[in-house]
Amino acid sequence: MAFRKLPRRYGAFVTPFFLSLLMTCVVSAISVLKTQGFGPEALAAWPTAWLVSWVVAFPVLLLMLPLVRRLTGLVVEG
C-alpha cells in the first residue's frame, strides 16, 4: 500500500500543523502534571488542555512563521 504525498506547496501548512501538535502535546502535559500531579484526574484533564492549546497554537504558528523565518535569516548565514 503506497502513501500518496501532498504537493510541495502544502509544506507551509503541514510543518506548522505537525509542530503545533507535538509542541502543544508536550507543553500541555507538563502544565497539567505540574498543577494536578500524576493521577487519573490529570490524565482525564490533559486531552482538553491539549486541544485548547492546539486550537490556539496552530493559527498563531501560521501567522508568526514568516516573521520567524525573517528573524532566522538575520542571525543565520545563508
N, C-alpha and C. Protein backbone atom coordinates (compact mmCIF):
# COMPACT_ATOMS: atom_id res chain seq x y z
N MET A 1 0.84 -1.17 0.00
CA MET A 1 0.00 0.00 0.00
C MET A 1 0.90 1.24 0.00
N ALA A 2 0.80 2.04 -1.01
CA ALA A 2 1.63 3.24 -1.15
C ALA A 2 0.90 4.45 -0.55
N PHE A 3 1.67 5.28 0.11
CA PHE A 3 1.13 6.51 0.70
C PHE A 3 1.29 7.64 -0.31
N ARG A 4 0.19 8.29 -0.63
CA ARG A 4 0.22 9.38 -1.59
C ARG A 4 0.58 10.67 -0.88
N LYS A 5 1.64 11.33 -1.32
CA LYS A 5 2.13 12.55 -0.67
C LYS A 5 1.41 13.77 -1.20
N LEU A 6 1.34 14.78 -0.35
CA LEU A 6 0.79 16.07 -0.75
C LEU A 6 1.80 16.81 -1.63
N PRO A 7 1.34 17.70 -2.48
CA PRO A 7 2.27 18.52 -3.26
C PRO A 7 3.10 19.42 -2.34
N ARG A 8 4.28 19.80 -2.80
CA ARG A 8 5.23 20.60 -2.03
C ARG A 8 4.61 21.90 -1.51
N ARG A 9 3.69 22.49 -2.24
CA ARG A 9 3.12 23.78 -1.84
C ARG A 9 2.38 23.73 -0.51
N TYR A 10 1.99 22.54 -0.07
CA TYR A 10 1.30 22.40 1.21
C TYR A 10 2.26 22.34 2.41
N GLY A 11 3.53 22.31 2.14
CA GLY A 11 4.52 22.25 3.22
C GLY A 11 4.42 23.41 4.19
N ALA A 12 4.01 24.59 3.70
CA ALA A 12 3.88 25.76 4.57
C ALA A 12 2.78 25.58 5.60
N PHE A 13 1.85 24.66 5.38
CA PHE A 13 0.79 24.39 6.34
C PHE A 13 1.05 23.10 7.13
N VAL A 14 1.67 22.12 6.48
CA VAL A 14 1.89 20.83 7.13
C VAL A 14 2.94 20.94 8.23
N THR A 15 4.01 21.69 7.99
CA THR A 15 5.06 21.84 9.01
C THR A 15 4.51 22.46 10.29
N PRO A 16 3.82 23.62 10.23
CA PRO A 16 3.27 24.15 11.48
C PRO A 16 2.18 23.26 12.08
N PHE A 17 1.47 22.51 11.26
CA PHE A 17 0.46 21.59 11.78
C PHE A 17 1.10 20.55 12.69
N PHE A 18 2.13 19.86 12.18
CA PHE A 18 2.79 18.83 12.99
C PHE A 18 3.54 19.45 14.17
N LEU A 19 4.21 20.57 13.95
CA LEU A 19 4.93 21.23 15.03
C LEU A 19 3.97 21.63 16.15
N SER A 20 2.82 22.19 15.81
CA SER A 20 1.87 22.60 16.83
C SER A 20 1.29 21.39 17.55
N LEU A 21 1.02 20.30 16.85
CA LEU A 21 0.52 19.09 17.51
C LEU A 21 1.51 18.58 18.54
N LEU A 22 2.77 18.46 18.14
CA LEU A 22 3.78 17.90 19.04
C LEU A 22 4.09 18.83 20.21
N MET A 23 4.27 20.11 19.92
CA MET A 23 4.64 21.04 20.99
C MET A 23 3.51 21.21 22.00
N THR A 24 2.28 21.35 21.55
CA THR A 24 1.18 21.53 22.49
C THR A 24 0.94 20.25 23.29
N CYS A 25 1.19 19.11 22.70
CA CYS A 25 1.07 17.85 23.42
C CYS A 25 2.02 17.84 24.62
N VAL A 26 3.27 18.15 24.38
CA VAL A 26 4.28 18.13 25.44
C VAL A 26 4.02 19.23 26.47
N VAL A 27 3.81 20.45 26.02
CA VAL A 27 3.65 21.57 26.94
C VAL A 27 2.38 21.43 27.78
N SER A 28 1.28 21.02 27.18
CA SER A 28 0.05 20.86 27.95
C SER A 28 0.19 19.71 28.96
N ALA A 29 0.87 18.65 28.59
CA ALA A 29 1.08 17.54 29.53
C ALA A 29 1.91 18.00 30.72
N ILE A 30 2.99 18.74 30.47
CA ILE A 30 3.82 19.25 31.56
C ILE A 30 3.01 20.18 32.45
N SER A 31 2.24 21.06 31.86
CA SER A 31 1.44 22.01 32.62
C SER A 31 0.40 21.31 33.49
N VAL A 32 -0.31 20.36 32.91
CA VAL A 32 -1.34 19.64 33.67
C VAL A 32 -0.70 18.83 34.79
N LEU A 33 0.38 18.14 34.50
CA LEU A 33 1.04 17.33 35.53
C LEU A 33 1.62 18.20 36.65
N LYS A 34 2.11 19.36 36.29
CA LYS A 34 2.66 20.26 37.32
C LYS A 34 1.57 20.80 38.23
N THR A 35 0.42 21.12 37.69
CA THR A 35 -0.65 21.69 38.51
C THR A 35 -1.46 20.63 39.24
N GLN A 36 -1.64 19.44 38.65
CA GLN A 36 -2.51 18.43 39.25
C GLN A 36 -1.79 17.21 39.77
N GLY A 37 -0.50 17.08 39.44
CA GLY A 37 0.20 15.86 39.81
C GLY A 37 -0.21 14.72 38.89
N PHE A 38 0.51 13.61 39.01
CA PHE A 38 0.21 12.47 38.14
C PHE A 38 -0.88 11.63 38.77
N GLY A 39 -1.96 11.48 38.07
CA GLY A 39 -3.07 10.69 38.58
C GLY A 39 -4.20 10.65 37.57
N PRO A 40 -5.28 9.99 37.89
CA PRO A 40 -6.40 9.86 36.96
C PRO A 40 -7.02 11.20 36.56
N GLU A 41 -7.07 12.16 37.50
CA GLU A 41 -7.65 13.46 37.19
C GLU A 41 -6.81 14.19 36.13
N ALA A 42 -5.51 14.12 36.29
CA ALA A 42 -4.62 14.77 35.33
C ALA A 42 -4.74 14.12 33.96
N LEU A 43 -4.79 12.80 33.95
CA LEU A 43 -4.91 12.10 32.66
C LEU A 43 -6.24 12.41 31.99
N ALA A 44 -7.28 12.64 32.78
CA ALA A 44 -8.58 12.99 32.22
C ALA A 44 -8.61 14.43 31.72
N ALA A 45 -7.88 15.32 32.40
CA ALA A 45 -7.87 16.74 32.05
C ALA A 45 -6.97 17.04 30.86
N TRP A 46 -5.94 16.23 30.66
CA TRP A 46 -4.94 16.55 29.64
C TRP A 46 -5.49 16.67 28.22
N PRO A 47 -6.36 15.77 27.73
CA PRO A 47 -6.82 15.93 26.33
C PRO A 47 -7.51 17.26 26.07
N THR A 48 -8.31 17.74 27.01
CA THR A 48 -8.97 19.03 26.83
C THR A 48 -7.95 20.16 26.82
N ALA A 49 -6.99 20.10 27.74
CA ALA A 49 -5.93 21.12 27.78
C ALA A 49 -5.13 21.11 26.48
N TRP A 50 -4.84 19.92 25.98
CA TRP A 50 -4.09 19.82 24.73
C TRP A 50 -4.89 20.40 23.57
N LEU A 51 -6.17 20.08 23.49
CA LEU A 51 -6.98 20.56 22.38
C LEU A 51 -7.08 22.08 22.37
N VAL A 52 -7.33 22.66 23.53
CA VAL A 52 -7.41 24.12 23.62
C VAL A 52 -6.07 24.74 23.22
N SER A 53 -4.98 24.17 23.70
CA SER A 53 -3.65 24.67 23.35
C SER A 53 -3.40 24.60 21.85
N TRP A 54 -3.78 23.48 21.24
CA TRP A 54 -3.53 23.31 19.81
C TRP A 54 -4.38 24.26 18.97
N VAL A 55 -5.64 24.46 19.37
CA VAL A 55 -6.53 25.35 18.62
C VAL A 55 -5.96 26.78 18.59
N VAL A 56 -5.26 27.17 19.63
CA VAL A 56 -4.62 28.49 19.67
C VAL A 56 -3.28 28.45 18.93
N ALA A 57 -2.49 27.42 19.17
CA ALA A 57 -1.12 27.38 18.65
C ALA A 57 -1.04 27.27 17.13
N PHE A 58 -1.89 26.47 16.51
CA PHE A 58 -1.76 26.27 15.07
C PHE A 58 -1.96 27.57 14.28
N PRO A 59 -3.03 28.34 14.50
CA PRO A 59 -3.14 29.59 13.75
C PRO A 59 -2.05 30.60 14.11
N VAL A 60 -1.61 30.60 15.38
CA VAL A 60 -0.52 31.51 15.76
C VAL A 60 0.75 31.14 15.00
N LEU A 61 1.04 29.86 14.89
CA LEU A 61 2.22 29.44 14.12
C LEU A 61 2.11 29.85 12.65
N LEU A 62 0.93 29.68 12.08
CA LEU A 62 0.75 30.08 10.68
C LEU A 62 1.00 31.58 10.49
N LEU A 63 0.54 32.37 11.45
CA LEU A 63 0.72 33.83 11.35
C LEU A 63 2.15 34.26 11.64
N MET A 64 2.82 33.59 12.57
CA MET A 64 4.15 34.01 13.01
C MET A 64 5.29 33.41 12.18
N LEU A 65 5.03 32.38 11.42
CA LEU A 65 6.10 31.72 10.67
C LEU A 65 6.86 32.65 9.74
N PRO A 66 6.22 33.55 9.00
CA PRO A 66 7.02 34.46 8.16
C PRO A 66 7.97 35.34 8.98
N LEU A 67 7.51 35.83 10.13
CA LEU A 67 8.37 36.64 10.99
C LEU A 67 9.53 35.81 11.53
N VAL A 68 9.26 34.60 11.94
CA VAL A 68 10.31 33.72 12.46
C VAL A 68 11.34 33.42 11.38
N ARG A 69 10.90 33.23 10.15
CA ARG A 69 11.85 32.97 9.05
C ARG A 69 12.74 34.19 8.81
N ARG A 70 12.15 35.39 8.86
CA ARG A 70 12.95 36.61 8.69
C ARG A 70 13.95 36.78 9.82
N LEU A 71 13.51 36.56 11.04
CA LEU A 71 14.43 36.67 12.18
C LEU A 71 15.55 35.63 12.09
N THR A 72 15.21 34.44 11.66
CA THR A 72 16.23 33.39 11.47
C THR A 72 17.24 33.83 10.42
N GLY A 73 16.75 34.45 9.34
CA GLY A 73 17.64 34.94 8.28
C GLY A 73 18.59 36.01 8.76
N LEU A 74 18.20 36.76 9.78
CA LEU A 74 19.06 37.80 10.33
C LEU A 74 20.22 37.24 11.16
N VAL A 75 20.04 36.06 11.73
CA VAL A 75 21.08 35.52 12.62
C VAL A 75 21.78 34.29 12.07
N VAL A 76 21.32 33.76 10.93
CA VAL A 76 21.94 32.57 10.35
C VAL A 76 22.45 32.90 8.96
N GLU A 77 23.70 32.53 8.70
CA GLU A 77 24.25 32.75 7.36
C GLU A 77 23.51 31.88 6.36
N GLY A 78 23.37 32.40 5.17
CA GLY A 78 22.71 31.58 4.17
C GLY A 78 22.73 32.19 2.90
